[in-house]
Protein backbone atom coordinates (compact mmCIF):
# COMPACT_ATOMS: atom_id res chain seq x y z
CA UNK A 1 187.20 122.86 66.34
CA UNK A 2 188.45 124.44 63.12
CA UNK A 3 188.37 121.14 61.28
CA UNK A 4 184.59 120.87 61.65
CA UNK A 5 183.87 124.19 59.93
CA UNK A 6 186.85 125.68 58.08
CA UNK A 7 188.45 122.90 56.06
CA UNK A 8 186.97 119.62 57.24
CA UNK A 9 188.63 117.11 54.94
CA UNK A 10 192.17 118.50 55.00
CA UNK A 11 192.43 118.80 58.78
CA UNK A 12 190.94 115.35 59.37
CA UNK A 13 193.58 113.88 57.06
CA UNK A 14 196.27 115.86 58.90
CA UNK A 15 194.96 114.39 62.16
CA UNK A 16 195.26 110.86 60.74
CA UNK A 17 198.84 111.51 59.61
CA UNK A 18 199.80 112.96 62.99
CA UNK A 19 198.17 110.00 64.76
CA UNK A 20 200.28 107.62 62.68
CA UNK A 21 203.41 109.60 63.54
CA UNK A 22 202.55 109.59 67.24
CA UNK A 23 201.84 105.86 67.13
CA UNK A 24 205.24 105.22 65.53
CA UNK A 25 206.97 107.39 68.14
CA UNK A 26 205.23 105.57 70.99
CA UNK A 27 206.13 102.19 69.51
CA UNK A 28 209.78 103.23 69.02
CA UNK A 29 210.04 104.33 72.65
CA UNK A 30 209.67 100.75 73.79
CA UNK A 31 207.16 101.41 76.53
CA UNK A 32 208.76 104.60 77.84
CA UNK A 33 205.99 106.73 76.40
CA UNK A 34 202.27 106.42 76.98
CA UNK A 35 199.34 107.85 75.10
CA UNK A 36 198.35 104.97 72.88
CA UNK A 37 194.74 105.41 73.94
CA UNK A 38 194.78 109.05 72.92
CA UNK A 39 196.18 108.11 69.51
CA UNK A 40 193.38 105.60 69.05
CA UNK A 41 190.80 108.19 70.11
CA UNK A 42 192.23 110.70 67.63
CA UNK A 43 192.00 108.17 64.82
CA UNK A 44 188.40 107.25 65.67
CA UNK A 45 187.35 110.90 65.84
CA UNK A 46 189.08 111.71 62.54
CA UNK A 47 187.39 108.80 60.74
CA UNK A 48 183.99 109.66 62.21
CA UNK A 49 184.56 113.24 61.11
CA UNK A 50 185.36 112.15 57.55
CA UNK A 51 182.24 109.95 57.50
CA UNK A 52 180.01 112.80 58.70
CA UNK A 53 181.47 115.18 56.11
CA UNK A 54 180.99 112.54 53.40
CA UNK A 55 177.36 112.05 54.39
CA UNK A 56 176.79 115.82 54.46
CA UNK A 57 178.26 116.19 50.97
CA UNK A 58 176.17 113.29 49.66
CA UNK A 59 173.02 114.77 51.22
CA UNK A 60 173.81 118.20 49.76
CA UNK A 61 174.30 116.72 46.30
CA UNK A 62 171.06 114.73 46.59
CA UNK A 63 169.15 117.88 47.55
CA UNK A 64 170.74 119.80 44.68
CA UNK A 65 169.86 117.10 42.16
CA UNK A 66 166.33 116.93 43.53
CA UNK A 67 165.90 120.68 43.18
CA UNK A 68 167.32 120.69 39.66
CA UNK A 69 165.16 117.76 38.55
CA UNK A 70 162.06 119.25 40.16
CA UNK A 71 162.65 122.62 38.49
CA UNK A 72 162.63 121.18 34.98
């Protein structure tokens, strides 16, 4: 929940790094560990999160430029 509001980019990147680490651990276990689906879900959510943040930043910049251009 904190990644959506407090520091969105940093925590999404941390989630991607941890997903990679978990994927490596699962692969090294040779089938003794499960959770590959959860790792995939974490990756998908983190990438969607980064895309949404990117779109929000782009929208915010477009609004700011529009206001600044309209004010002059």
